[in-house]
Amino acid sequence: MNYKVFSVGPDWVEYIAAETAEEALAEHLRRADYKEHELQDITVEEIPFETEYRFENEQGTFDEMTFAEWLKDFKYEKPKLLCWQD
């Protein structure tokens, strides 16, 4: 894999595929509207592909699986929002 998964955010978390933490942060900031003083509260953390998570499926229920299982068919081209958690 030529990308990593990063959790980015202060209050809500976005999971973003990117090659670096800086790219993940830039992708997050592209959609967000932060005041200058709020930028210090943003955290960026790499999430191991083996991390288990509850992903919502098309039926509105949740499946527990690892990020690697969930992203098995994902083709990385550029930084991209994968999902989020409130």
PDB file of N, CA and C in Angstrom:
ATOM      1  N   MET A   1       0.855  -1.184   0.000  1.00  0.00           N
ATOM      2  CA  MET A   1       0.000   0.000   0.000  1.00  0.00           C
ATOM      3  C   MET A   1       0.893   1.236   0.000  1.00  0.00           C
ATOM      4  N   ASN A   2       0.535   2.197  -0.790  1.00  0.00           N
ATOM      5  CA  ASN A   2       1.326   3.420  -0.853  1.00  0.00           C
ATOM      6  C   ASN A   2       0.656   4.573  -0.112  1.00  0.00           C
ATOM      7  N   TYR A   3      -0.241   4.258   0.805  1.00  0.00           N
ATOM      8  CA  TYR A   3      -0.900   5.280   1.598  1.00  0.00           C
ATOM      9  C   TYR A   3      -1.082   4.747   3.017  1.00  0.00           C
ATOM     10  N   LYS A   4      -1.482   5.657   3.905  1.00  0.00           N
ATOM     11  CA  LYS A   4      -1.787   5.314   5.293  1.00  0.00           C
ATOM     12  C   LYS A   4      -3.164   5.872   5.602  1.00  0.00           C
ATOM     13  N   VAL A   5      -3.727   5.460   6.721  1.00  0.00           N
ATOM     14  CA  VAL A   5      -4.990   6.020   7.189  1.00  0.00           C
ATOM     15  C   VAL A   5      -4.673   6.904   8.387  1.00  0.00           C
ATOM     16  N   PHE A   6      -5.234   8.116   8.377  1.00  0.00           N
ATOM     17  CA  PHE A   6      -5.028   9.056   9.468  1.00  0.00           C
ATOM     18  C   PHE A   6      -6.372   9.477  10.039  1.00  0.00           C
ATOM     19  N   SER A   7      -6.440   9.614  11.366  1.00  0.00           N
ATOM     20  CA  SER A   7      -7.597  10.256  11.987  1.00  0.00           C
ATOM     21  C   SER A   7      -7.207  11.713  12.176  1.00  0.00           C
ATOM     22  N   VAL A   8      -8.106  12.598  11.777  1.00  0.00           N
ATOM     23  CA  VAL A   8      -7.819  14.034  11.819  1.00  0.00           C
ATOM     24  C   VAL A   8      -9.020  14.745  12.410  1.00  0.00           C
ATOM     25  N   GLY A   9      -8.767  15.630  13.362  1.00  0.00           N
ATOM     26  CA  GLY A   9      -9.851  16.457  13.862  1.00  0.00           C
ATOM     27  C   GLY A   9      -9.757  16.737  15.345  1.00  0.00           C
ATOM     28  N   PRO A  10     -10.500  17.740  15.785  1.00  0.00           N
ATOM     29  CA  PRO A  10     -10.550  18.052  17.209  1.00  0.00           C
ATOM     30  C   PRO A  10     -11.755  17.392  17.894  1.00  0.00           C
ATOM     31  N   ASP A  11     -12.951  17.711  17.471  1.00  0.00           N
ATOM     32  CA  ASP A  11     -14.168  17.221  18.134  1.00  0.00           C
ATOM     33  C   ASP A  11     -14.749  16.018  17.407  1.00  0.00           C
ATOM     34  N   TRP A  12     -14.894  16.116  16.111  1.00  0.00           N
ATOM     35  CA  TRP A  12     -15.305  14.974  15.305  1.00  0.00           C
ATOM     36  C   TRP A  12     -14.042  14.489  14.625  1.00  0.00           C
ATOM     37  N   VAL A  13     -14.050  13.279  14.171  1.00  0.00           N
ATOM     38  CA  VAL A  13     -12.855  12.708  13.559  1.00  0.00           C
ATOM     39  C   VAL A  13     -13.163  12.310  12.128  1.00  0.00           C
ATOM     40  N   GLU A  14     -12.286  12.685  11.229  1.00  0.00           N
ATOM     41  CA  GLU A  14     -12.354  12.210   9.852  1.00  0.00           C
ATOM     42  C   GLU A  14     -11.233  11.208   9.660  1.00  0.00           C
ATOM     43  N   TYR A  15     -11.515  10.131   8.959  1.00  0.00           N
ATOM     44  CA  TYR A  15     -10.493   9.163   8.598  1.00  0.00           C
ATOM     45  C   TYR A  15     -10.132   9.424   7.143  1.00  0.00           C
ATOM     46  N   ILE A  16      -8.864   9.733   6.922  1.00  0.00           N
ATOM     47  CA  ILE A  16      -8.406  10.187   5.613  1.00  0.00           C
ATOM     48  C   ILE A  16      -7.258   9.305   5.135  1.00  0.00           C
ATOM     49  N   ALA A  17      -7.331   8.894   3.886  1.00  0.00           N
ATOM     50  CA  ALA A  17      -6.235   8.169   3.246  1.00  0.00           C
ATOM     51  C   ALA A  17      -5.287   9.204   2.666  1.00  0.00           C
ATOM     52  N   ALA A  18      -4.007   9.089   3.005  1.00  0.00           N
ATOM     53  CA  ALA A  18      -2.989  10.005   2.491  1.00  0.00           C
ATOM     54  C   ALA A  18      -1.623   9.347   2.657  1.00  0.00           C
ATOM     55  N   GLU A  19      -0.644   9.891   1.973  1.00  0.00           N
ATOM     56  CA  GLU A  19       0.711   9.358   2.108  1.00  0.00           C
ATOM     57  C   GLU A  19       1.403   9.892   3.353  1.00  0.00           C
ATOM     58  N   THR A  20       1.065  11.125   3.758  1.00  0.00           N
ATOM     59  CA  THR A  20       1.705  11.739   4.925  1.00  0.00           C
ATOM     60  C   THR A  20       0.650  12.406   5.811  1.00  0.00           C
ATOM     61  N   ALA A  21       1.032  12.663   7.054  1.00  0.00           N
ATOM     62  CA  ALA A  21       0.147  13.371   7.986  1.00  0.00           C
ATOM     63  C   ALA A  21      -0.162  14.778   7.476  1.00  0.00           C
ATOM     64  N   GLU A  22       0.818  15.411   6.844  1.00  0.00           N
ATOM     65  CA  GLU A  22       0.616  16.762   6.316  1.00  0.00           C
ATOM     66  C   GLU A  22      -0.448  16.768   5.216  1.00  0.00           C
ATOM     67  N   GLU A  23      -0.417  15.752   4.346  1.00  0.00           N
ATOM     68  CA  GLU A  23      -1.438  15.661   3.290  1.00  0.00           C
ATOM     69  C   GLU A  23      -2.815  15.404   3.891  1.00  0.00           C
ATOM     70  N   ALA A  24      -2.881  14.574   4.922  1.00  0.00           N
ATOM     71  CA  ALA A  24      -4.165  14.295   5.580  1.00  0.00           C
ATOM     72  C   ALA A  24      -4.724  15.560   6.212  1.00  0.00           C
ATOM     73  N   LEU A  25      -3.882  16.325   6.880  1.00  0.00           N
ATOM     74  CA  LEU A  25      -4.323  17.574   7.494  1.00  0.00           C
ATOM     75  C   LEU A  25      -4.810  18.551   6.429  1.00  0.00           C
ATOM     76  N   ALA A  26      -4.083  18.678   5.332  1.00  0.00           N
ATOM     77  CA  ALA A  26      -4.493  19.588   4.264  1.00  0.00           C
ATOM     78  C   ALA A  26      -5.842  19.184   3.684  1.00  0.00           C
ATOM     79  N   GLU A  27      -6.072  17.884   3.515  1.00  0.00           N
ATOM     80  CA  GLU A  27      -7.367  17.407   3.002  1.00  0.00           C
ATOM     81  C   GLU A  27      -8.480  17.724   3.990  1.00  0.00           C
ATOM     82  N   HIS A  28      -8.214  17.570   5.271  1.00  0.00           N
ATOM     83  CA  HIS A  28      -9.205  17.910   6.302  1.00  0.00           C
ATOM     84  C   HIS A  28      -9.520  19.403   6.278  1.00  0.00           C
ATOM     85  N   LEU A  29      -8.492  20.225   6.225  1.00  0.00           N
ATOM     86  CA  LEU A  29      -8.687  21.680   6.253  1.00  0.00           C
ATOM     87  C   LEU A  29      -9.380  22.197   5.001  1.00  0.00           C
ATOM     88  N   ARG A  30      -9.267  21.474   3.913  1.00  0.00           N
ATOM     89  CA  ARG A  30      -9.909  21.883   2.666  1.00  0.00           C
ATOM     90  C   ARG A  30     -11.434  21.936   2.825  1.00  0.00           C
ATOM     91  N   ARG A  31     -11.998  21.074   3.650  1.00  0.00           N
ATOM     92  CA  ARG A  31     -13.447  21.020   3.849  1.00  0.00           C
ATOM     93  C   ARG A  31     -13.912  21.723   5.115  1.00  0.00           C
ATOM     94  N   ALA A  32     -13.007  22.064   6.001  1.00  0.00           N
ATOM     95  CA  ALA A  32     -13.384  22.604   7.309  1.00  0.00           C
ATOM     96  C   ALA A  32     -13.293  24.127   7.325  1.00  0.00           C
ATOM     97  N   ASP A  33     -13.981  24.718   8.277  1.00  0.00           N
ATOM     98  CA  ASP A  33     -13.959  26.169   8.433  1.00  0.00           C
ATOM     99  C   ASP A  33     -13.522  26.479   9.868  1.00  0.00           C
ATOM    100  N   TYR A  34     -12.217  26.552  10.073  1.00  0.00           N
ATOM    101  CA  TYR A  34     -11.670  26.799  11.403  1.00  0.00           C
ATOM    102  C   TYR A  34     -11.257  28.249  11.565  1.00  0.00           C
ATOM    103  N   LYS A  35     -11.411  28.728  12.780  1.00  0.00           N
ATOM    104  CA  LYS A  35     -10.835  30.019  13.145  1.00  0.00           C
ATOM    105  C   LYS A  35      -9.356  29.762  13.433  1.00  0.00           C
ATOM    106  N   GLU A  36      -8.530  30.756  13.309  1.00  0.00           N
ATOM    107  CA  GLU A  36      -7.082  30.602  13.482  1.00  0.00           C
ATOM    108  C   GLU A  36      -6.736  29.957  14.827  1.00  0.00           C
ATOM    109  N   HIS A  37      -7.404  30.363  15.914  1.00  0.00           N
ATOM    110  CA  HIS A  37      -7.066  29.829  17.235  1.00  0.00           C
ATOM    111  C   HIS A  37      -7.508  28.371  17.401  1.00  0.00           C
ATOM    112  N   GLU A  38      -8.400  27.881  16.556  1.00  0.00           N
ATOM    113  CA  GLU A  38      -8.860  26.490  16.650  1.00  0.00           C
ATOM    114  C   GLU A  38      -7.895  25.506  15.997  1.00  0.00           C
ATOM    115  N   LEU A  39      -7.007  25.983  15.159  1.00  0.00           N
ATOM    116  CA  LEU A  39      -6.090  25.103  14.443  1.00  0.00           C
ATOM    117  C   LEU A  39      -5.169  24.334  15.383  1.00  0.00           C
ATOM    118  N   GLN A  40      -4.863  24.906  16.539  1.00  0.00           N
ATOM    119  CA  GLN A  40      -3.979  24.234  17.492  1.00  0.00           C
ATOM    120  C   GLN A  40      -4.638  23.003  18.116  1.00  0.00           C
ATOM    121  N   ASP A  41      -5.959  22.897  18.035  1.00  0.00           N
ATOM    122  CA  ASP A  41      -6.671  21.772  18.630  1.00  0.00           C
ATOM    123  C   ASP A  41      -6.776  20.561  17.697  1.00  0.00           C
ATOM    124  N   ILE A  42      -6.362  20.703  16.461  1.00  0.00           N
ATOM    125  CA  ILE A  42      -6.476  19.612  15.494  1.00  0.00           C
ATOM    126  C   ILE A  42      -5.359  18.600  15.724  1.00  0.00           C
ATOM    127  N   THR A  43      -5.749  17.348  15.816  1.00  0.00           N
ATOM    128  CA  THR A  43      -4.763  16.283  15.956  1.00  0.00           C
ATOM    129  C   THR A  43      -4.769  15.415  14.704  1.00  0.00           C
ATOM    130  N   VAL A  44      -3.614  14.870  14.378  1.00  0.00           N
ATOM    131  CA  VAL A  44      -3.466  13.962  13.245  1.00  0.00           C
ATOM    132  C   VAL A  44      -2.742  12.734  13.781  1.00  0.00           C
ATOM    133  N   GLU A  45      -3.369  11.571  13.616  1.00  0.00           N
ATOM    134  CA  GLU A  45      -2.792  10.340  14.149  1.00  0.00           C
ATOM    135  C   GLU A  45      -2.898   9.230  13.103  1.00  0.00           C
ATOM    136  N   GLU A  46      -1.819   8.530  12.882  1.00  0.00           N
ATOM    137  CA  GLU A  46      -1.847   7.402  11.959  1.00  0.00           C
ATOM    138  C   GLU A  46      -2.594   6.237  12.609  1.00  0.00           C
ATOM    139  N   ILE A  47      -3.483   5.620  11.837  1.00  0.00           N
ATOM    140  CA  ILE A  47      -4.262   4.487  12.312  1.00  0.00           C
ATOM    141  C   ILE A  47      -3.718   3.225  11.644  1.00  0.00           C
ATOM    142  N   PRO A  48      -3.251   2.254  12.420  1.00  0.00           N
ATOM    143  CA  PRO A  48      -2.768   1.010  11.808  1.00  0.00           C
ATOM    144  C   PRO A  48      -3.890   0.304  11.038  1.00  0.00           C
ATOM    145  N   PHE A  49      -3.547  -0.304   9.931  1.00  0.00           N
ATOM    146  CA  PHE A  49      -4.544  -1.004   9.124  1.00  0.00           C
ATOM    147  C   PHE A  49      -5.196  -2.149   9.890  1.00  0.00           C
ATOM    148  N   GLU A  50      -4.551  -2.651  10.934  1.00  0.00           N
ATOM    149  CA  GLU A  50      -5.103  -3.755  11.727  1.00  0.00           C
ATOM    150  C   GLU A  50      -6.135  -3.286  12.752  1.00  0.00           C
ATOM    151  N   THR A  51      -6.333  -1.985  12.874  1.00  0.00           N
ATOM    152  CA  THR A  51      -7.284  -1.437  13.831  1.00  0.00           C
ATOM    153  C   THR A  51      -8.704  -1.839  13.455  1.00  0.00           C
ATOM    154  N   GLU A  52      -9.432  -2.378  14.430  1.00  0.00           N
ATOM    155  CA  GLU A  52     -10.837  -2.733  14.200  1.00  0.00           C
ATOM    156  C   GLU A  52     -11.712  -1.503  14.398  1.00  0.00           C
ATOM    157  N   TYR A  53     -12.775  -1.445  13.602  1.00  0.00           N
ATOM    158  CA  TYR A  53     -13.677  -0.298  13.626  1.00  0.00           C
ATOM    159  C   TYR A  53     -15.062  -0.796  13.256  1.00  0.00           C
ATOM    160  N   ARG A  54     -16.078  -0.065  13.639  1.00  0.00           N
ATOM    161  CA  ARG A  54     -17.457  -0.404  13.265  1.00  0.00           C
ATOM    162  C   ARG A  54     -17.846   0.459  12.079  1.00  0.00           C
ATOM    163  N   PHE A  55     -17.978  -0.166  10.923  1.00  0.00           N
ATOM    164  CA  PHE A  55     -18.327   0.542   9.692  1.00  0.00           C
ATOM    165  C   PHE A  55     -19.801   0.334   9.386  1.00  0.00           C
ATOM    166  N   GLU A  56     -20.506   1.425   9.091  1.00  0.00           N
ATOM    167  CA  GLU A  56     -21.925   1.324   8.733  1.00  0.00           C
ATOM    168  C   GLU A  56     -22.045   0.772   7.321  1.00  0.00           C
ATOM    169  N   ASN A  57     -22.949  -0.176   7.144  1.00  0.00           N
ATOM    170  CA  ASN A  57     -23.148  -0.764   5.818  1.00  0.00           C
ATOM    171  C   ASN A  57     -24.390  -0.178   5.150  1.00  0.00           C
ATOM    172  N   GLU A  58     -24.697  -0.638   3.962  1.00  0.00           N
ATOM    173  CA  GLU A  58     -25.814  -0.090   3.184  1.00  0.00           C
ATOM    174  C   GLU A  58     -27.172  -0.339   3.834  1.00  0.00           C
ATOM    175  N   GLN A  59     -27.265  -1.333   4.703  1.00  0.00           N
ATOM    176  CA  GLN A  59     -28.523  -1.632   5.391  1.00  0.00           C
ATOM    177  C   GLN A  59     -28.712  -0.775   6.638  1.00  0.00           C
ATOM    178  N   GLY A  60     -27.732   0.060   6.968  1.00  0.00           N
ATOM    179  CA  GLY A  60     -27.839   0.922   8.137  1.00  0.00           C
ATOM    180  C   GLY A  60     -27.406   0.238   9.423  1.00  0.00           C
ATOM    181  N   THR A  61     -26.892  -0.975   9.329  1.00  0.00           N
ATOM    182  CA  THR A  61     -26.342  -1.655  10.494  1.00  0.00           C
ATOM    183  C   THR A  61     -24.818  -1.541  10.423  1.00  0.00           C
ATOM    184  N   PHE A  62     -24.152  -2.105  11.401  1.00  0.00           N
ATOM    185  CA  PHE A  62     -22.704  -1.943  11.471  1.00  0.00           C
ATOM    186  C   PHE A  62     -21.997  -3.286  11.372  1.00  0.00           C
ATOM    187  N   ASP A  63     -20.869  -3.282  10.671  1.00  0.00           N
ATOM    188  CA  ASP A  63     -20.003  -4.447  10.558  1.00  0.00           C
ATOM    189  C   ASP A  63     -18.682  -4.109  11.233  1.00  0.00           C
ATOM    190  N   GLU A  64     -18.206  -5.012  12.079  1.00  0.00           N
ATOM    191  CA  GLU A  64     -16.894  -4.825  12.691  1.00  0.00           C
ATOM    192  C   GLU A  64     -15.855  -5.498  11.819  1.00  0.00           C
ATOM    193  N   MET A  65     -14.840  -4.731  11.446  1.00  0.00           N
ATOM    194  CA  MET A  65     -13.751  -5.268  10.630  1.00  0.00           C
ATOM    195  C   MET A  65     -12.556  -4.342  10.776  1.00  0.00           C
ATOM    196  N   THR A  66     -11.430  -4.771  10.270  1.00  0.00           N
ATOM    197  CA  THR A  66     -10.247  -3.916  10.307  1.00  0.00           C
ATOM    198  C   THR A  66     -10.293  -2.933   9.126  1.00  0.00           C
ATOM    199  N   PHE A  67      -9.504  -1.888   9.243  1.00  0.00           N
ATOM    200  CA  PHE A  67      -9.400  -0.950   8.124  1.00  0.00           C
ATOM    201  C   PHE A  67      -8.877  -1.671   6.888  1.00  0.00           C
ATOM    202  N   ALA A  68      -7.957  -2.613   7.066  1.00  0.00           N
ATOM    203  CA  ALA A  68      -7.417  -3.363   5.922  1.00  0.00           C
ATOM    204  C   ALA A  68      -8.517  -4.152   5.221  1.00  0.00           C
ATOM    205  N   GLU A  69      -9.398  -4.791   5.990  1.00  0.00           N
ATOM    206  CA  GLU A  69     -10.505  -5.539   5.387  1.00  0.00           C
ATOM    207  C   GLU A  69     -11.458  -4.595   4.661  1.00  0.00           C
ATOM    208  N   TRP A  70     -11.759  -3.477   5.288  1.00  0.00           N
ATOM    209  CA  TRP A  70     -12.700  -2.524   4.717  1.00  0.00           C
ATOM    210  C   TRP A  70     -12.146  -1.891   3.441  1.00  0.00           C
ATOM    211  N   LEU A  71     -10.836  -1.666   3.398  1.00  0.00           N
ATOM    212  CA  LEU A  71     -10.210  -0.981   2.269  1.00  0.00           C
ATOM    213  C   LEU A  71      -9.593  -1.931   1.255  1.00  0.00           C
ATOM    214  N   LYS A  72      -9.927  -3.199   1.318  1.00  0.00           N
ATOM    215  CA  LYS A  72      -9.262  -4.192   0.457  1.00  0.00           C
ATOM    216  C   LYS A  72      -9.371  -3.877  -1.035  1.00  0.00           C
ATOM    217  N   ASP A  73     -10.448  -3.242  -1.482  1.00  0.00           N
ATOM    218  CA  ASP A  73     -10.614  -2.911  -2.901  1.00  0.00           C
ATOM    219  C   ASP A  73     -10.364  -1.426  -3.212  1.00  0.00           C
ATOM    220  N   PHE A  74      -9.942  -0.667  -2.219  1.00  0.00           N
ATOM    221  CA  PHE A  74      -9.706   0.763  -2.376  1.00  0.00           C
ATOM    222  C   PHE A  74      -8.452   1.004  -3.215  1.00  0.00           C
ATOM    223  N   LYS A  75      -8.553   1.869  -4.180  1.00  0.00           N
ATOM    224  CA  LYS A  75      -7.422   2.255  -5.022  1.00  0.00           C
ATOM    225  C   LYS A  75      -7.035   3.691  -4.687  1.00  0.00           C
ATOM    226  N   TYR A  76      -5.886   3.857  -4.092  1.00  0.00           N
ATOM    227  CA  TYR A  76      -5.431   5.187  -3.695  1.00  0.00           C
ATOM    228  C   TYR A  76      -4.874   5.950  -4.893  1.00  0.00           C
ATOM    229  N   GLU A  77      -5.351   7.182  -5.074  1.00  0.00           N
ATOM    230  CA  GLU A  77      -4.836   8.055  -6.114  1.00  0.00           C
ATOM    231  C   GLU A  77      -4.335   9.381  -5.548  1.00  0.00           C
ATOM    232  N   LYS A  78      -5.050   9.889  -4.540  1.00  0.00           N
ATOM    233  CA  LYS A  78      -4.687  11.153  -3.892  1.00  0.00           C
ATOM    234  C   LYS A  78      -5.354  11.169  -2.522  1.00  0.00           C
ATOM    235  N   PRO A  79      -5.003  12.102  -1.634  1.00  0.00           N
ATOM    236  CA  PRO A  79      -5.641  12.153  -0.324  1.00  0.00           C
ATOM    237  C   PRO A  79      -7.165  12.198  -0.461  1.00  0.00           C
ATOM    238  N   LYS A  80      -7.825  11.408   0.387  1.00  0.00           N
ATOM    239  CA  LYS A  80      -9.278  11.287   0.256  1.00  0.00           C
ATOM    240  C   LYS A  80      -9.917  10.988   1.606  1.00  0.00           C
ATOM    241  N   LEU A  81     -11.044  11.638   1.876  1.00  0.00           N
ATOM    242  CA  LEU A  81     -11.845  11.336   3.052  1.00  0.00           C
ATOM    243  C   LEU A  81     -12.451   9.950   2.892  1.00  0.00           C
ATOM    244  N   LEU A  82     -12.258   9.083   3.872  1.00  0.00           N
ATOM    245  CA  LEU A  82     -12.802   7.724   3.824  1.00  0.00           C
ATOM    246  C   LEU A  82     -14.117   7.635   4.576  1.00  0.00           C
ATOM    247  N   CYS A  83     -14.149   8.160   5.795  1.00  0.00           N
ATOM    248  CA  CYS A  83     -15.351   8.151   6.636  1.00  0.00           C
ATOM    249  C   CYS A  83     -15.113   9.092   7.798  1.00  0.00           C
ATOM    250  N   TRP A  84     -16.109   9.271   8.632  1.00  0.00           N
ATOM    251  CA  TRP A  84     -15.978  10.143   9.784  1.00  0.00           C
ATOM    252  C   TRP A  84     -16.755   9.580  10.952  1.00  0.00           C
ATOM    253  N   GLN A  85     -16.474  10.142  12.127  1.00  0.00           N
ATOM    254  CA  GLN A  85     -17.130   9.739  13.369  1.00  0.00           C
ATOM    255  C   GLN A  85     -17.473  11.007  14.125  1.00  0.00           C
ATOM    256  N   ASP A  86     -18.743  11.142  14.538  1.00  0.00           N
ATOM    257  CA  ASP A  86     -19.154  12.315  15.317  1.00  0.00           C
ATOM    258  C   ASP A  86     -18.758  12.169  16.752  1.00  0.00           C
TER     259      ASP A  86
END
